[in-house]
Amino acid sequence: MDIKEIQSLIKFVAKSGASEVKLETDEIKITIRTGALNTQPESTTYVQQIPVSAAPAAPSLAPAPVSGAEASAEASADASGKEEDSKYITIKSPIIGTFYRKPSPDKPPFVEVGANISQGDVLCVIEAMKLFNDIESEVSGKIIKVLVEDSSPVEFDQPLFLVDPS
């Protein structure tokens, strides 16, 4: 709706004798009030532009903020570690849930960095909907790195451990 249409609407409302008219569309909201008691018609116009937003974007999980020291350490590790990590096997989460390294709070972790594992060894537990699921190794080797903090949420296919198969 352009300004000429709004002006003609104001004139029409003033001539009609109506004291108040409200017009609302997807793009604009107009309220026109006239002073019907005065001998001279008085017009007050309020125009409010309603912002039209696009369809909401699909929600995405943003990575947690990283401090400068951690960012530089990760950047240098990524630069030098790409070729090193390529020789390791990544064990990923088969389900969404909460990652636990220990069978219970008072027990030691299933595996530690440097531990040798065999196929079928339990590496961790993932709780999903109050069910605790043992995550077993599909490979044999040595645990190089634990990629997830204990008691933290994990997504499907999120890397959990790096294993050196040699």
C-alpha atoms as a PDB file:
ATOM      1  CA  MET A   1       0.000   0.000   0.000  1.00  0.00           C
ATOM      2  CA  ASP A   2       1.548   3.310  -1.059  1.00  0.00           C
ATOM      3  CA  ILE A   3       1.137   6.776   0.455  1.00  0.00           C
ATOM      4  CA  LYS A   4      -1.503   7.924  -2.094  1.00  0.00           C
ATOM      5  CA  GLU A   5      -3.737   4.976  -1.209  1.00  0.00           C
ATOM      6  CA  ILE A   6      -3.336   5.764   2.501  1.00  0.00           C
ATOM      7  CA  GLN A   7      -4.226   9.448   1.903  1.00  0.00           C
ATOM      8  CA  SER A   8      -7.333   8.540  -0.091  1.00  0.00           C
ATOM      9  CA  LEU A   9      -8.364   6.113   2.664  1.00  0.00           C
ATOM     10  CA  ILE A  10      -8.032   8.921   5.242  1.00  0.00           C
ATOM     11  CA  LYS A  11     -10.213  11.242   3.128  1.00  0.00           C
ATOM     12  CA  PHE A  12     -12.813   8.502   2.651  1.00  0.00           C
ATOM     13  CA  VAL A  13     -12.976   7.792   6.404  1.00  0.00           C
ATOM     14  CA  ALA A  14     -13.257  11.540   7.187  1.00  0.00           C
ATOM     15  CA  LYS A  15     -16.170  11.947   4.729  1.00  0.00           C
ATOM     16  CA  SER A  16     -17.935   8.804   5.957  1.00  0.00           C
ATOM     17  CA  GLY A  17     -18.316  10.139   9.491  1.00  0.00           C
ATOM     18  CA  ALA A  18     -16.777   7.066  11.120  1.00  0.00           C
ATOM     19  CA  SER A  19     -14.857   7.837  14.300  1.00  0.00           C
ATOM     20  CA  GLU A  20     -12.287   5.037  13.949  1.00  0.00           C
ATOM     21  CA  VAL A  21     -11.230   2.589  11.236  1.00  0.00           C
ATOM     22  CA  LYS A  22      -8.592  -0.134  11.568  1.00  0.00           C
ATOM     23  CA  LEU A  23      -7.025  -1.883   8.582  1.00  0.00           C
ATOM     24  CA  GLU A  24      -4.615  -4.749   9.026  1.00  0.00           C
ATOM     25  CA  THR A  25      -2.861  -6.821   6.357  1.00  0.00           C
ATOM     26  CA  ASP A  26       0.209  -9.052   6.369  1.00  0.00           C
ATOM     27  CA  GLU A  27       2.431  -6.087   5.538  1.00  0.00           C
ATOM     28  CA  ILE A  28       0.821  -3.068   7.229  1.00  0.00           C
ATOM     29  CA  LYS A  29      -1.411  -2.047  10.112  1.00  0.00           C
ATOM     30  CA  ILE A  30      -3.322   1.266   9.939  1.00  0.00           C
ATOM     31  CA  THR A  31      -5.619   2.906  12.491  1.00  0.00           C
ATOM     32  CA  ILE A  32      -7.470   6.068  11.457  1.00  0.00           C
ATOM     33  CA  ARG A  33      -9.327   8.086  14.108  1.00  0.00           C
ATOM     34  CA  THR A  34     -11.405  11.157  13.314  1.00  0.00           C
ATOM     35  CA  GLY A  35     -12.807  13.774  15.682  1.00  0.00           C
ATOM     36  CA  ALA A  36     -16.538  13.421  14.867  1.00  0.00           C
ATOM     37  CA  LEU A  37     -17.554  15.963  17.570  1.00  0.00           C
ATOM     38  CA  ASN A  38     -15.540  18.875  16.141  1.00  0.00           C
ATOM     39  CA  THR A  39     -16.964  21.088  13.421  1.00  0.00           C
ATOM     40  CA  GLN A  40     -13.748  20.703  11.480  1.00  0.00           C
ATOM     41  CA  PRO A  41     -12.886  17.103  10.680  1.00  0.00           C
ATOM     42  CA  GLU A  42      -9.631  16.179  12.424  1.00  0.00           C
ATOM     43  CA  SER A  43      -7.704  13.154  11.225  1.00  0.00           C
ATOM     44  CA  THR A  44      -5.096  11.251  13.176  1.00  0.00           C
ATOM     45  CA  THR A  45      -3.232   8.527  11.383  1.00  0.00           C
ATOM     46  CA  TYR A  46      -1.002   5.873  12.905  1.00  0.00           C
ATOM     47  CA  VAL A  47       0.919   3.722  10.476  1.00  0.00           C
ATOM     48  CA  GLN A  48       2.922   0.804  11.766  1.00  0.00           C
ATOM     49  CA  GLN A  49       4.978  -1.265   9.374  1.00  0.00           C
ATOM     50  CA  ILE A  50       4.977  -4.939  10.395  1.00  0.00           C
ATOM     51  CA  PRO A  51       8.268  -6.596   9.490  1.00  0.00           C
ATOM     52  CA  VAL A  52       7.799  -9.481   7.114  1.00  0.00           C
ATOM     53  CA  SER A  53      10.251 -12.230   7.984  1.00  0.00           C
ATOM     54  CA  ALA A  54      11.288 -15.102   5.805  1.00  0.00           C
ATOM     55  CA  ALA A  55      10.541 -18.674   6.801  1.00  0.00           C
ATOM     56  CA  PRO A  56      12.541 -19.650   9.874  1.00  0.00           C
ATOM     57  CA  ALA A  57      15.842 -21.258   9.077  1.00  0.00           C
ATOM     58  CA  ALA A  58      16.383 -24.858  10.074  1.00  0.00           C
ATOM     59  CA  PRO A  59      17.822 -25.006  13.572  1.00  0.00           C
ATOM     60  CA  SER A  60      21.453 -25.872  13.690  1.00  0.00           C
ATOM     61  CA  LEU A  61      23.688 -26.731  16.536  1.00  0.00           C
ATOM     62  CA  ALA A  62      26.337 -24.089  16.891  1.00  0.00           C
ATOM     63  CA  PRO A  63      29.692 -25.197  18.227  1.00  0.00           C
ATOM     64  CA  ALA A  64      30.463 -24.116  21.764  1.00  0.00           C
ATOM     65  CA  PRO A  65      32.480 -20.898  22.068  1.00  0.00           C
ATOM     66  CA  VAL A  66      36.210 -21.563  22.118  1.00  0.00           C
ATOM     67  CA  SER A  67      38.749 -19.394  23.908  1.00  0.00           C
ATOM     68  CA  GLY A  68      41.671 -17.927  21.980  1.00  0.00           C
ATOM     69  CA  ALA A  69      44.211 -20.331  23.462  1.00  0.00           C
ATOM     70  CA  GLU A  70      42.045 -23.341  22.670  1.00  0.00           C
ATOM     71  CA  ALA A  71      41.332 -22.038  19.153  1.00  0.00           C
ATOM     72  CA  SER A  72      45.027 -21.619  18.342  1.00  0.00           C
ATOM     73  CA  ALA A  73      45.819 -25.036  19.841  1.00  0.00           C
ATOM     74  CA  GLU A  74      43.048 -26.629  17.791  1.00  0.00           C
ATOM     75  CA  ALA A  75      44.156 -24.791  14.643  1.00  0.00           C
ATOM     76  CA  SER A  76      47.743 -25.975  14.999  1.00  0.00           C
ATOM     77  CA  ALA A  77      46.564 -29.492  15.868  1.00  0.00           C
ATOM     78  CA  ASP A  78      44.275 -29.489  12.809  1.00  0.00           C
ATOM     79  CA  ALA A  79      47.061 -28.280  10.531  1.00  0.00           C
ATOM     80  CA  SER A  80      49.645 -30.783  11.727  1.00  0.00           C
ATOM     81  CA  GLY A  81      47.253 -33.520  12.797  1.00  0.00           C
ATOM     82  CA  LYS A  82      45.276 -34.008   9.584  1.00  0.00           C
ATOM     83  CA  GLU A  83      47.717 -36.481   8.130  1.00  0.00           C
ATOM     84  CA  GLU A  84      48.311 -38.061  11.550  1.00  0.00           C
ATOM     85  CA  ASP A  85      44.572 -38.517  12.224  1.00  0.00           C
ATOM     86  CA  SER A  86      44.055 -40.116   8.822  1.00  0.00           C
ATOM     87  CA  LYS A  87      45.853 -43.263   9.973  1.00  0.00           C
ATOM     88  CA  TYR A  88      43.528 -43.587  12.998  1.00  0.00           C
ATOM     89  CA  ILE A  89      40.077 -45.134  13.074  1.00  0.00           C
ATOM     90  CA  THR A  90      37.307 -42.970  14.479  1.00  0.00           C
ATOM     91  CA  ILE A  91      34.714 -44.722  16.628  1.00  0.00           C
ATOM     92  CA  LYS A  92      31.429 -42.836  16.297  1.00  0.00           C
ATOM     93  CA  SER A  93      28.259 -42.757  18.328  1.00  0.00           C
ATOM     94  CA  PRO A  94      25.580 -45.102  16.957  1.00  0.00           C
ATOM     95  CA  ILE A  95      22.806 -43.219  18.822  1.00  0.00           C
ATOM     96  CA  ILE A  96      21.830 -39.871  20.339  1.00  0.00           C
ATOM     97  CA  GLY A  97      22.122 -39.644  24.108  1.00  0.00           C
ATOM     98  CA  THR A  98      24.390 -38.857  27.038  1.00  0.00           C
ATOM     99  CA  PHE A  99      27.954 -40.186  26.916  1.00  0.00           C
ATOM    100  CA  TYR A 100      29.414 -41.835  30.034  1.00  0.00           C
ATOM    101  CA  ARG A 101      32.964 -43.178  30.279  1.00  0.00           C
ATOM    102  CA  LYS A 102      32.204 -45.168  33.486  1.00  0.00           C
ATOM    103  CA  PRO A 103      29.637 -47.883  34.223  1.00  0.00           C
ATOM    104  CA  SER A 104      28.712 -45.953  37.423  1.00  0.00           C
ATOM    105  CA  PRO A 105      30.058 -42.860  39.218  1.00  0.00           C
ATOM    106  CA  ASP A 106      32.105 -44.893  41.710  1.00  0.00           C
ATOM    107  CA  LYS A 107      33.748 -47.191  39.108  1.00  0.00           C
ATOM    108  CA  PRO A 108      36.807 -46.512  36.906  1.00  0.00           C
ATOM    109  CA  PRO A 109      36.362 -45.618  33.209  1.00  0.00           C
ATOM    110  CA  PHE A 110      35.872 -48.470  30.725  1.00  0.00           C
ATOM    111  CA  VAL A 111      38.974 -47.390  28.757  1.00  0.00           C
ATOM    112  CA  GLU A 112      41.761 -44.846  29.176  1.00  0.00           C
ATOM    113  CA  VAL A 113      43.978 -43.164  26.600  1.00  0.00           C
ATOM    114  CA  GLY A 114      46.772 -45.617  25.761  1.00  0.00           C
ATOM    115  CA  ALA A 115      44.704 -48.721  26.584  1.00  0.00           C
ATOM    116  CA  ASN A 116      44.734 -51.625  24.157  1.00  0.00           C
ATOM    117  CA  ILE A 117      41.265 -52.729  23.099  1.00  0.00           C
ATOM    118  CA  SER A 118      39.904 -55.712  21.232  1.00  0.00           C
ATOM    119  CA  GLN A 119      36.874 -56.065  19.038  1.00  0.00           C
ATOM    120  CA  GLY A 120      33.794 -56.379  21.279  1.00  0.00           C
ATOM    121  CA  ASP A 121      35.279 -54.529  24.299  1.00  0.00           C
ATOM    122  CA  VAL A 122      32.891 -52.046  25.924  1.00  0.00           C
ATOM    123  CA  LEU A 123      34.269 -48.519  25.452  1.00  0.00           C
ATOM    124  CA  CYS A 124      31.539 -46.401  27.021  1.00  0.00           C
ATOM    125  CA  VAL A 125      27.835 -46.203  27.801  1.00  0.00           C
ATOM    126  CA  ILE A 126      25.313 -43.928  26.091  1.00  0.00           C
ATOM    127  CA  GLU A 127      22.086 -43.231  27.938  1.00  0.00           C
ATOM    128  CA  ALA A 128      19.084 -42.725  25.692  1.00  0.00           C
ATOM    129  CA  MET A 129      15.573 -42.426  27.150  1.00  0.00           C
ATOM    130  CA  LYS A 130      16.665 -43.865  30.517  1.00  0.00           C
ATOM    131  CA  LEU A 131      18.229 -46.904  28.849  1.00  0.00           C
ATOM    132  CA  PHE A 132      21.978 -47.442  29.164  1.00  0.00           C
ATOM    133  CA  ASN A 133      23.513 -48.812  25.965  1.00  0.00           C
ATOM    134  CA  ASP A 134      26.989 -50.390  25.998  1.00  0.00           C
ATOM    135  CA  ILE A 135      29.044 -49.165  23.062  1.00  0.00           C
ATOM    136  CA  GLU A 136      31.395 -51.912  21.947  1.00  0.00           C
ATOM    137  CA  SER A 137      34.492 -51.564  19.817  1.00  0.00           C
ATOM    138  CA  GLU A 138      34.279 -52.806  16.256  1.00  0.00           C
ATOM    139  CA  VAL A 139      38.068 -52.697  15.884  1.00  0.00           C
ATOM    140  CA  SER A 140      41.152 -53.753  17.799  1.00  0.00           C
ATOM    141  CA  GLY A 141      43.912 -51.297  18.586  1.00  0.00           C
ATOM    142  CA  LYS A 142      45.078 -48.652  21.016  1.00  0.00           C
ATOM    143  CA  ILE A 143      42.984 -45.705  22.294  1.00  0.00           C
ATOM    144  CA  ILE A 144      44.740 -42.536  21.122  1.00  0.00           C
ATOM    145  CA  LYS A 145      42.209 -39.920  22.168  1.00  0.00           C
ATOM    146  CA  VAL A 146      38.814 -39.591  23.881  1.00  0.00           C
ATOM    147  CA  LEU A 147      36.940 -36.938  21.890  1.00  0.00           C
ATOM    148  CA  VAL A 148      33.961 -36.379  24.228  1.00  0.00           C
ATOM    149  CA  GLU A 149      33.746 -35.187  27.828  1.00  0.00           C
ATOM    150  CA  ASP A 150      32.146 -37.509  30.373  1.00  0.00           C
ATOM    151  CA  SER A 151      28.410 -36.900  31.002  1.00  0.00           C
ATOM    152  CA  SER A 152      27.988 -34.765  27.888  1.00  0.00           C
ATOM    153  CA  PRO A 153      25.337 -35.104  25.178  1.00  0.00           C
ATOM    154  CA  VAL A 154      26.305 -36.759  21.901  1.00  0.00           C
ATOM    155  CA  GLU A 155      24.678 -36.815  18.479  1.00  0.00           C
ATOM    156  CA  PHE A 156      24.295 -39.694  16.060  1.00  0.00           C
ATOM    157  CA  ASP A 157      27.562 -40.321  14.179  1.00  0.00           C
ATOM    158  CA  GLN A 158      29.544 -37.975  16.457  1.00  0.00           C
ATOM    159  CA  PRO A 159      33.196 -39.072  16.869  1.00  0.00           C
ATOM    160  CA  LEU A 160      33.865 -40.525  20.341  1.00  0.00           C
ATOM    161  CA  PHE A 161      37.329 -42.120  20.216  1.00  0.00           C
ATOM    162  CA  LEU A 162      40.411 -42.238  17.983  1.00  0.00           C
ATOM    163  CA  VAL A 163      41.946 -45.712  17.761  1.00  0.00           C
ATOM    164  CA  ASP A 164      45.310 -46.660  16.308  1.00  0.00           C
ATOM    165  CA  PRO A 165      44.718 -50.046  14.649  1.00  0.00           C
ATOM    166  CA  SER A 166      48.432 -50.907  14.319  1.00  0.00           C
END
